[in-house]
Amino acid sequence: MASKKTNQVNLKGFFDMDVMEVIEVKSNEELPYDFKEILSEFNGKQVSITIKEENDLPVKDKE
């Protein structure tokens, strides 16, 4: 079996589809990333895409 090289990008932030931007918040600083430009690196290539949203779970009330 041949070896493989993986080209991967991980972003975590708020996605704004209107401007195709992901905004990461670190230490009260907003870091915008051009999502369309990042995706263009994969144009015409076979890809696997996963999108995940994280939500806090409700905490059980103390009785």
PDB file of N, CA and C in Angstrom:
ATOM      1  N   MET A   1       0.845  -1.181   0.000  1.00  0.00           N
ATOM      2  CA  MET A   1       0.000   0.000   0.000  1.00  0.00           C
ATOM      3  C   MET A   1       0.893   1.248   0.000  1.00  0.00           C
ATOM      4  N   ALA A   2       0.536   2.219  -0.803  1.00  0.00           N
ATOM      5  CA  ALA A   2       1.307   3.456  -0.899  1.00  0.00           C
ATOM      6  C   ALA A   2       1.062   4.344   0.312  1.00  0.00           C
ATOM      7  N   SER A   3       2.077   5.115   0.661  1.00  0.00           N
ATOM      8  CA  SER A   3       1.929   6.087   1.748  1.00  0.00           C
ATOM      9  C   SER A   3       1.013   7.211   1.294  1.00  0.00           C
ATOM     10  N   LYS A   4       0.421   7.920   2.264  1.00  0.00           N
ATOM     11  CA  LYS A   4      -0.494   9.015   1.946  1.00  0.00           C
ATOM     12  C   LYS A   4      -0.037  10.293   2.638  1.00  0.00           C
ATOM     13  N   LYS A   5      -0.304  11.392   2.000  1.00  0.00           N
ATOM     14  CA  LYS A   5      -0.068  12.709   2.582  1.00  0.00           C
ATOM     15  C   LYS A   5      -1.429  13.377   2.720  1.00  0.00           C
ATOM     16  N   THR A   6      -1.720  13.903   3.894  1.00  0.00           N
ATOM     17  CA  THR A   6      -3.007  14.541   4.146  1.00  0.00           C
ATOM     18  C   THR A   6      -2.832  16.053   4.234  1.00  0.00           C
ATOM     19  N   ASN A   7      -3.632  16.789   3.469  1.00  0.00           N
ATOM     20  CA  ASN A   7      -3.684  18.245   3.548  1.00  0.00           C
ATOM     21  C   ASN A   7      -4.964  18.580   4.302  1.00  0.00           C
ATOM     22  N   GLN A   8      -4.833  19.154   5.498  1.00  0.00           N
ATOM     23  CA  GLN A   8      -5.980  19.348   6.379  1.00  0.00           C
ATOM     24  C   GLN A   8      -5.957  20.744   6.984  1.00  0.00           C
ATOM     25  N   VAL A   9      -7.141  21.326   7.144  1.00  0.00           N
ATOM     26  CA  VAL A   9      -7.291  22.625   7.802  1.00  0.00           C
ATOM     27  C   VAL A   9      -8.323  22.476   8.904  1.00  0.00           C
ATOM     28  N   ASN A  10      -8.011  22.971  10.101  1.00  0.00           N
ATOM     29  CA  ASN A  10      -8.953  22.965  11.220  1.00  0.00           C
ATOM     30  C   ASN A  10      -9.201  24.401  11.662  1.00  0.00           C
ATOM     31  N   LEU A  11     -10.453  24.789  11.661  1.00  0.00           N
ATOM     32  CA  LEU A  11     -10.848  26.110  12.134  1.00  0.00           C
ATOM     33  C   LEU A  11     -11.908  25.934  13.205  1.00  0.00           C
ATOM     34  N   LYS A  12     -11.867  26.779  14.214  1.00  0.00           N
ATOM     35  CA  LYS A  12     -12.910  26.772  15.235  1.00  0.00           C
ATOM     36  C   LYS A  12     -13.295  28.221  15.491  1.00  0.00           C
ATOM     37  N   GLY A  13     -14.533  28.541  15.175  1.00  0.00           N
ATOM     38  CA  GLY A  13     -14.983  29.908  15.355  1.00  0.00           C
ATOM     39  C   GLY A  13     -16.404  30.066  14.852  1.00  0.00           C
ATOM     40  N   PHE A  14     -16.806  31.298  14.666  1.00  0.00           N
ATOM     41  CA  PHE A  14     -18.151  31.620  14.206  1.00  0.00           C
ATOM     42  C   PHE A  14     -18.130  31.779  12.688  1.00  0.00           C
ATOM     43  N   PHE A  15     -18.999  31.027  12.001  1.00  0.00           N
ATOM     44  CA  PHE A  15     -19.050  31.040  10.542  1.00  0.00           C
ATOM     45  C   PHE A  15     -20.084  32.043  10.063  1.00  0.00           C
ATOM     46  N   ASP A  16     -19.667  32.947   9.180  1.00  0.00           N
ATOM     47  CA  ASP A  16     -20.565  33.919   8.557  1.00  0.00           C
ATOM     48  C   ASP A  16     -20.608  33.612   7.062  1.00  0.00           C
ATOM     49  N   MET A  17     -21.677  32.934   6.639  1.00  0.00           N
ATOM     50  CA  MET A  17     -21.785  32.504   5.250  1.00  0.00           C
ATOM     51  C   MET A  17     -21.909  33.682   4.292  1.00  0.00           C
ATOM     52  N   ASP A  18     -22.496  34.798   4.750  1.00  0.00           N
ATOM     53  CA  ASP A  18     -22.681  35.956   3.872  1.00  0.00           C
ATOM     54  C   ASP A  18     -21.351  36.492   3.349  1.00  0.00           C
ATOM     55  N   VAL A  19     -20.312  36.432   4.167  1.00  0.00           N
ATOM     56  CA  VAL A  19     -18.993  36.930   3.751  1.00  0.00           C
ATOM     57  C   VAL A  19     -17.966  35.804   3.657  1.00  0.00           C
ATOM     58  N   MET A  20     -18.422  34.536   3.825  1.00  0.00           N
ATOM     59  CA  MET A  20     -17.554  33.353   3.756  1.00  0.00           C
ATOM     60  C   MET A  20     -16.319  33.531   4.643  1.00  0.00           C
ATOM     61  N   GLU A  21     -16.588  33.767   5.922  1.00  0.00           N
ATOM     62  CA  GLU A  21     -15.524  34.047   6.881  1.00  0.00           C
ATOM     63  C   GLU A  21     -15.755  33.241   8.154  1.00  0.00           C
ATOM     64  N   VAL A  22     -14.681  32.774   8.753  1.00  0.00           N
ATOM     65  CA  VAL A  22     -14.735  32.143  10.066  1.00  0.00           C
ATOM     66  C   VAL A  22     -13.971  33.055  11.013  1.00  0.00           C
ATOM     67  N   ILE A  23     -14.627  33.434  12.113  1.00  0.00           N
ATOM     68  CA  ILE A  23     -14.009  34.341  13.078  1.00  0.00           C
ATOM     69  C   ILE A  23     -13.723  33.575  14.356  1.00  0.00           C
ATOM     70  N   GLU A  24     -12.431  33.434  14.654  1.00  0.00           N
ATOM     71  CA  GLU A  24     -11.987  32.761  15.867  1.00  0.00           C
ATOM     72  C   GLU A  24     -11.766  33.824  16.945  1.00  0.00           C
ATOM     73  N   VAL A  25     -12.235  33.551  18.159  1.00  0.00           N
ATOM     74  CA  VAL A  25     -12.047  34.490  19.267  1.00  0.00           C
ATOM     75  C   VAL A  25     -11.035  33.888  20.232  1.00  0.00           C
ATOM     76  N   LYS A  26      -9.915  34.601  20.426  1.00  0.00           N
ATOM     77  CA  LYS A  26      -8.856  34.159  21.343  1.00  0.00           C
ATOM     78  C   LYS A  26      -8.423  35.346  22.183  1.00  0.00           C
ATOM     79  N   SER A  27      -8.477  35.183  23.483  1.00  0.00           N
ATOM     80  CA  SER A  27      -8.022  36.230  24.411  1.00  0.00           C
ATOM     81  C   SER A  27      -8.613  37.592  24.065  1.00  0.00           C
ATOM     82  N   ASN A  28      -9.931  37.642  23.883  1.00  0.00           N
ATOM     83  CA  ASN A  28     -10.652  38.880  23.558  1.00  0.00           C
ATOM     84  C   ASN A  28     -10.203  39.504  22.244  1.00  0.00           C
ATOM     85  N   GLU A  29      -9.631  38.709  21.361  1.00  0.00           N
ATOM     86  CA  GLU A  29      -9.202  39.179  20.049  1.00  0.00           C
ATOM     87  C   GLU A  29      -9.931  38.371  18.984  1.00  0.00           C
ATOM     88  N   GLU A  30     -10.455  39.050  17.960  1.00  0.00           N
ATOM     89  CA  GLU A  30     -11.137  38.368  16.863  1.00  0.00           C
ATOM     90  C   GLU A  30     -10.163  38.161  15.709  1.00  0.00           C
ATOM     91  N   LEU A  31     -10.038  36.897  15.282  1.00  0.00           N
ATOM     92  CA  LEU A  31      -9.139  36.549  14.187  1.00  0.00           C
ATOM     93  C   LEU A  31      -9.971  36.037  13.009  1.00  0.00           C
ATOM     94  N   PRO A  32     -10.147  36.863  11.961  1.00  0.00           N
ATOM     95  CA  PRO A  32     -10.965  36.441  10.816  1.00  0.00           C
ATOM     96  C   PRO A  32     -10.149  35.615   9.818  1.00  0.00           C
ATOM     97  N   TYR A  33     -10.781  34.569   9.282  1.00  0.00           N
ATOM     98  CA  TYR A  33     -10.168  33.725   8.261  1.00  0.00           C
ATOM     99  C   TYR A  33     -11.065  33.715   7.032  1.00  0.00           C
ATOM    100  N   ASP A  34     -10.476  33.848   5.858  1.00  0.00           N
ATOM    101  CA  ASP A  34     -11.207  33.843   4.595  1.00  0.00           C
ATOM    102  C   ASP A  34     -11.504  32.392   4.218  1.00  0.00           C
ATOM    103  N   PHE A  35     -12.716  31.939   4.525  1.00  0.00           N
ATOM    104  CA  PHE A  35     -13.081  30.540   4.323  1.00  0.00           C
ATOM    105  C   PHE A  35     -13.082  30.166   2.840  1.00  0.00           C
ATOM    106  N   LYS A  36     -13.520  31.080   1.990  1.00  0.00           N
ATOM    107  CA  LYS A  36     -13.541  30.807   0.550  1.00  0.00           C
ATOM    108  C   LYS A  36     -12.121  30.598   0.022  1.00  0.00           C
ATOM    109  N   GLU A  37     -11.186  31.392   0.489  1.00  0.00           N
ATOM    110  CA  GLU A  37      -9.785  31.238   0.068  1.00  0.00           C
ATOM    111  C   GLU A  37      -9.220  29.896   0.543  1.00  0.00           C
ATOM    112  N   ILE A  38      -9.555  29.516   1.772  1.00  0.00           N
ATOM    113  CA  ILE A  38      -9.096  28.229   2.307  1.00  0.00           C
ATOM    114  C   ILE A  38      -9.667  27.085   1.479  1.00  0.00           C
ATOM    115  N   LEU A  39     -10.966  27.157   1.162  1.00  0.00           N
ATOM    116  CA  LEU A  39     -11.594  26.108   0.353  1.00  0.00           C
ATOM    117  C   LEU A  39     -11.003  26.031  -1.053  1.00  0.00           C
ATOM    118  N   SER A  40     -10.558  27.160  -1.593  1.00  0.00           N
ATOM    119  CA  SER A  40     -10.020  27.169  -2.958  1.00  0.00           C
ATOM    120  C   SER A  40      -8.776  26.293  -3.086  1.00  0.00           C
ATOM    121  N   GLU A  41      -8.057  26.055  -1.982  1.00  0.00           N
ATOM    122  CA  GLU A  41      -6.888  25.172  -2.006  1.00  0.00           C
ATOM    123  C   GLU A  41      -7.284  23.741  -2.367  1.00  0.00           C
ATOM    124  N   PHE A  42      -8.542  23.395  -2.147  1.00  0.00           N
ATOM    125  CA  PHE A  42      -9.025  22.040  -2.378  1.00  0.00           C
ATOM    126  C   PHE A  42      -9.849  21.923  -3.664  1.00  0.00           C
ATOM    127  N   ASN A  43      -9.955  23.008  -4.416  1.00  0.00           N
ATOM    128  CA  ASN A  43     -10.768  23.024  -5.628  1.00  0.00           C
ATOM    129  C   ASN A  43     -10.297  21.957  -6.619  1.00  0.00           C
ATOM    130  N   GLY A  44     -11.226  21.144  -7.091  1.00  0.00           N
ATOM    131  CA  GLY A  44     -10.923  20.118  -8.074  1.00  0.00           C
ATOM    132  C   GLY A  44     -10.327  18.847  -7.500  1.00  0.00           C
ATOM    133  N   LYS A  45     -10.225  18.770  -6.180  1.00  0.00           N
ATOM    134  CA  LYS A  45      -9.643  17.598  -5.528  1.00  0.00           C
ATOM    135  C   LYS A  45     -10.726  16.808  -4.806  1.00  0.00           C
ATOM    136  N   GLN A  46     -10.483  15.523  -4.625  1.00  0.00           N
ATOM    137  CA  GLN A  46     -11.419  14.700  -3.855  1.00  0.00           C
ATOM    138  C   GLN A  46     -11.226  15.026  -2.381  1.00  0.00           C
ATOM    139  N   VAL A  47     -12.328  15.356  -1.695  1.00  0.00           N
ATOM    140  CA  VAL A  47     -12.239  15.782  -0.301  1.00  0.00           C
ATOM    141  C   VAL A  47     -13.248  15.040   0.568  1.00  0.00           C
ATOM    142  N   SER A  48     -13.017  15.110   1.847  1.00  0.00           N
ATOM    143  CA  SER A  48     -13.963  14.657   2.864  1.00  0.00           C
ATOM    144  C   SER A  48     -14.252  15.874   3.726  1.00  0.00           C
ATOM    145  N   ILE A  49     -15.523  16.208   3.903  1.00  0.00           N
ATOM    146  CA  ILE A  49     -15.887  17.423   4.638  1.00  0.00           C
ATOM    147  C   ILE A  49     -16.715  17.064   5.862  1.00  0.00           C
ATOM    148  N   THR A  50     -16.309  17.599   7.010  1.00  0.00           N
ATOM    149  CA  THR A  50     -17.051  17.446   8.257  1.00  0.00           C
ATOM    150  C   THR A  50     -17.245  18.829   8.857  1.00  0.00           C
ATOM    151  N   ILE A  51     -18.475  19.149   9.233  1.00  0.00           N
ATOM    152  CA  ILE A  51     -18.764  20.408   9.920  1.00  0.00           C
ATOM    153  C   ILE A  51     -19.438  20.055  11.229  1.00  0.00           C
ATOM    154  N   LYS A  52     -18.968  20.658  12.305  1.00  0.00           N
ATOM    155  CA  LYS A  52     -19.454  20.309  13.634  1.00  0.00           C
ATOM    156  C   LYS A  52     -19.818  21.585  14.383  1.00  0.00           C
ATOM    157  N   GLU A  53     -20.943  21.530  15.091  1.00  0.00           N
ATOM    158  CA  GLU A  53     -21.366  22.635  15.954  1.00  0.00           C
ATOM    159  C   GLU A  53     -21.341  22.132  17.389  1.00  0.00           C
ATOM    160  N   GLU A  54     -20.764  22.922  18.277  1.00  0.00           N
ATOM    161  CA  GLU A  54     -20.722  22.547  19.690  1.00  0.00           C
ATOM    162  C   GLU A  54     -21.706  23.406  20.480  1.00  0.00           C
ATOM    163  N   ASN A  55     -22.504  22.749  21.324  1.00  0.00           N
ATOM    164  CA  ASN A  55     -23.458  23.440  22.191  1.00  0.00           C
ATOM    165  C   ASN A  55     -23.280  22.935  23.615  1.00  0.00           C
ATOM    166  N   ASP A  56     -23.394  23.840  24.573  1.00  0.00           N
ATOM    167  CA  ASP A  56     -23.318  23.442  25.976  1.00  0.00           C
ATOM    168  C   ASP A  56     -24.552  22.631  26.345  1.00  0.00           C
ATOM    169  N   LEU A  57     -24.350  21.602  27.135  1.00  0.00           N
ATOM    170  CA  LEU A  57     -25.465  20.800  27.631  1.00  0.00           C
ATOM    171  C   LEU A  57     -26.068  21.469  28.857  1.00  0.00           C
ATOM    172  N   PRO A  58     -27.376  21.319  29.057  1.00  0.00           N
ATOM    173  CA  PRO A  58     -27.988  21.899  30.258  1.00  0.00           C
ATOM    174  C   PRO A  58     -27.495  21.168  31.506  1.00  0.00           C
ATOM    175  N   VAL A  59     -27.280  21.932  32.566  1.00  0.00           N
ATOM    176  CA  VAL A  59     -26.830  21.377  33.839  1.00  0.00           C
ATOM    177  C   VAL A  59     -28.046  20.986  34.665  1.00  0.00           C
ATOM    178  N   LYS A  60     -27.960  19.856  35.319  1.00  0.00           N
ATOM    179  CA  LYS A  60     -29.056  19.380  36.158  1.00  0.00           C
ATOM    180  C   LYS A  60     -29.215  20.309  37.360  1.00  0.00           C
ATOM    181  N   ASP A  61     -30.469  20.682  37.652  1.00  0.00           N
ATOM    182  CA  ASP A  61     -30.748  21.538  38.805  1.00  0.00           C
ATOM    183  C   ASP A  61     -30.442  20.801  40.099  1.00  0.00           C
ATOM    184  N   LYS A  62     -29.868  21.543  41.060  1.00  0.00           N
ATOM    185  CA  LYS A  62     -29.632  20.961  42.386  1.00  0.00           C
ATOM    186  C   LYS A  62     -30.927  21.025  43.173  1.00  0.00           C
ATOM    187  N   GLU A  63     -31.276  19.921  43.816  1.00  0.00           N
ATOM    188  CA  GLU A  63     -32.538  19.889  44.574  1.00  0.00           C
ATOM    189  C   GLU A  63     -32.285  19.970  46.047  1.00  0.00           C
TER     190      GLU A  63
END
